[in-house]
Amino acid sequence: MLTETPVTVRYAETDQMGITHHSVYPIWFELARTDWIKQLGLTYSQLEKMGVMTPLSQLECRYTGVSRYEDELLIRCRVLELSPARIRFGYEVVRRGEEKPICTGSTLHGWVDAQSFRPVSMKKRFPDLYAKIESMLQTG
């Protein structure tokens, strides 16, 4: 499953050179990831109430273009890898109406117990949810 989250670059997100500051892109990744989870049929807060959290263990960003104030962008998000212990999301930031990304990246998250922060097997703890995510991975 691929989601597209619209974002309009705000003035506060630009730097002295008039381009979007590099630190904003990971924030947009989080916004897109939250939308992806919603399309799955639940929210992050519901997942946490179920006793599972997804701490970030790795972040990658590759900048291949720029965006500027008031540019209309789409943040594309999909699951790249899934295991019982981890999930990796991939992102592309594109200007609306264009296909060439101005930024690509990924985030790697662990599945952990909300109380102990110890790793959990999502496949064992929530087999139906795991299977649903797995099916989304296969359909792209």
Protein backbone atom coordinates (compact mmCIF):
# COMPACT_ATOMS: atom_id res chain seq x y z
CA MET A 1 0.00 0.00 0.00
CA LEU A 2 1.29 3.43 -0.99
CA THR A 3 -0.08 6.53 0.68
CA GLU A 4 0.35 10.14 -0.43
CA THR A 5 0.23 12.87 2.19
CA PRO A 6 -0.07 16.45 0.90
CA VAL A 7 2.12 19.14 2.47
CA THR A 8 2.49 22.82 1.62
CA VAL A 9 5.88 24.23 2.64
CA ARG A 10 5.42 26.87 5.35
CA TYR A 11 7.65 29.92 5.67
CA ALA A 12 8.96 28.73 9.06
CA GLU A 13 10.21 25.54 7.38
CA THR A 14 12.62 27.41 5.09
CA ASP A 15 16.14 28.58 5.82
CA GLN A 16 18.05 31.76 5.01
CA MET A 17 18.62 30.50 1.46
CA GLY A 18 14.85 30.26 0.94
CA ILE A 19 14.75 26.48 0.67
CA THR A 20 13.16 23.93 2.97
CA HIS A 21 15.51 23.17 5.86
CA HIS A 22 16.87 19.62 5.85
CA SER A 23 15.51 18.96 9.36
CA VAL A 24 11.90 19.26 8.17
CA TYR A 25 11.91 16.18 5.94
CA PRO A 26 12.01 13.63 8.81
CA ILE A 27 9.02 15.44 10.35
CA TRP A 28 7.18 15.02 7.06
CA PHE A 29 8.18 11.34 7.04
CA GLU A 30 6.46 10.98 10.41
CA LEU A 31 3.36 12.71 9.09
CA ALA A 32 3.23 10.31 6.13
CA ARG A 33 3.87 7.27 8.33
CA THR A 34 0.99 8.31 10.60
CA ASP A 35 -1.27 8.54 7.54
CA TRP A 36 -0.09 5.10 6.38
CA ILE A 37 -1.05 3.61 9.76
CA LYS A 38 -4.46 5.30 9.53
CA GLN A 39 -5.02 3.76 6.09
CA LEU A 40 -4.29 0.41 7.72
CA GLY A 41 -7.32 1.03 9.92
CA LEU A 42 -5.87 2.17 13.25
CA THR A 43 -3.95 5.05 14.78
CA TYR A 44 -0.61 5.16 16.54
CA SER A 45 -2.39 5.91 19.81
CA GLN A 46 -4.56 2.81 19.37
CA LEU A 47 -1.45 0.74 18.70
CA GLU A 48 0.10 2.11 21.89
CA LYS A 49 -3.07 1.31 23.86
CA MET A 50 -2.72 -2.25 22.53
CA GLY A 51 0.67 -2.26 24.31
CA VAL A 52 3.01 -1.81 21.35
CA MET A 53 5.33 1.07 20.46
CA THR A 54 7.59 1.59 17.45
CA PRO A 55 10.76 3.43 18.46
CA LEU A 56 12.97 4.71 15.67
CA SER A 57 16.34 2.99 15.33
CA GLN A 58 17.49 4.31 11.94
CA LEU A 59 16.76 7.31 9.72
CA GLU A 60 18.05 7.89 6.20
CA CYS A 61 17.50 10.97 4.02
CA ARG A 62 18.83 11.62 0.54
CA TYR A 63 18.31 15.10 -0.85
CA THR A 64 18.25 15.32 -4.64
CA GLY A 65 16.37 18.58 -5.12
CA VAL A 66 14.91 21.50 -3.21
CA SER A 67 11.53 22.79 -2.19
CA ARG A 68 10.62 26.35 -1.35
CA TYR A 69 7.98 28.31 0.52
CA GLU A 70 4.45 27.50 -0.67
CA ASP A 71 5.53 24.54 -2.82
CA GLU A 72 2.86 21.87 -2.79
CA LEU A 73 4.39 18.49 -2.09
CA LEU A 74 3.31 14.88 -1.73
CA ILE A 75 5.02 12.64 0.80
CA ARG A 76 4.72 9.05 -0.44
CA CYS A 77 5.02 6.29 2.12
CA ARG A 78 5.12 2.50 1.94
CA VAL A 79 6.47 -0.41 3.94
CA LEU A 80 9.76 -1.64 2.48
CA GLU A 81 10.54 -4.44 4.94
CA LEU A 82 8.65 -6.27 7.63
CA SER A 83 9.76 -8.82 10.20
CA PRO A 84 8.18 -9.93 13.46
CA ALA A 85 10.62 -7.58 15.28
CA ARG A 86 10.95 -4.59 12.90
CA ILE A 87 9.30 -2.52 10.21
CA ARG A 88 11.01 -0.27 7.63
CA PHE A 89 9.11 2.51 5.89
CA GLY A 90 10.25 4.16 2.67
CA TYR A 91 9.48 7.73 1.63
CA GLU A 92 9.58 9.91 -1.46
CA VAL A 93 8.95 13.63 -1.39
CA VAL A 94 7.77 14.95 -4.75
CA ARG A 95 6.47 18.29 -5.93
CA ARG A 96 2.79 17.97 -6.84
CA GLY A 97 2.48 17.21 -10.54
CA GLU A 98 6.06 15.92 -10.83
CA GLU A 99 7.46 12.41 -10.48
CA LYS A 100 11.14 13.03 -9.74
CA PRO A 101 11.68 12.98 -5.96
CA ILE A 102 13.38 15.89 -4.25
CA CYS A 103 14.06 13.70 -1.22
CA THR A 104 13.95 9.98 -0.53
CA GLY A 105 14.49 8.15 2.71
CA SER A 106 13.57 5.43 5.11
CA THR A 107 13.00 4.83 8.79
CA LEU A 108 13.50 1.60 10.69
CA HIS A 109 11.38 0.93 13.77
CA GLY A 110 11.33 -1.86 16.30
CA TRP A 111 8.20 -3.43 17.71
CA VAL A 112 8.47 -3.11 21.51
CA ASP A 113 6.25 -3.67 24.52
CA ALA A 114 4.87 -0.32 25.69
CA GLN A 115 5.59 -1.11 29.37
CA SER A 116 8.97 -2.85 29.30
CA PHE A 117 10.32 -1.49 25.98
CA ARG A 118 11.54 -5.01 25.29
CA PRO A 119 11.22 -6.32 21.71
CA VAL A 120 8.04 -8.19 20.87
CA SER A 121 7.08 -10.44 18.00
CA MET A 122 4.18 -8.77 16.26
CA LYS A 123 3.58 -11.99 14.36
CA LYS A 124 2.92 -13.79 17.66
CA ARG A 125 1.25 -11.00 19.64
CA PHE A 126 -1.06 -9.70 16.90
CA PRO A 127 -1.05 -12.25 14.05
CA ASP A 128 -4.03 -10.72 12.21
CA LEU A 129 -2.51 -7.22 12.23
CA TYR A 130 0.87 -8.61 11.17
CA ALA A 131 -0.76 -10.50 8.27
CA LYS A 132 -2.59 -7.34 7.20
CA ILE A 133 0.65 -5.32 7.14
CA GLU A 134 2.38 -8.17 5.33
CA SER A 135 -0.34 -8.15 2.65
CA MET A 136 0.14 -4.37 2.24
CA LEU A 137 3.85 -4.96 1.68
CA GLN A 138 3.11 -7.44 -1.07
CA THR A 139 0.64 -5.16 -2.86
CA GLY A 140 3.09 -2.24 -2.82
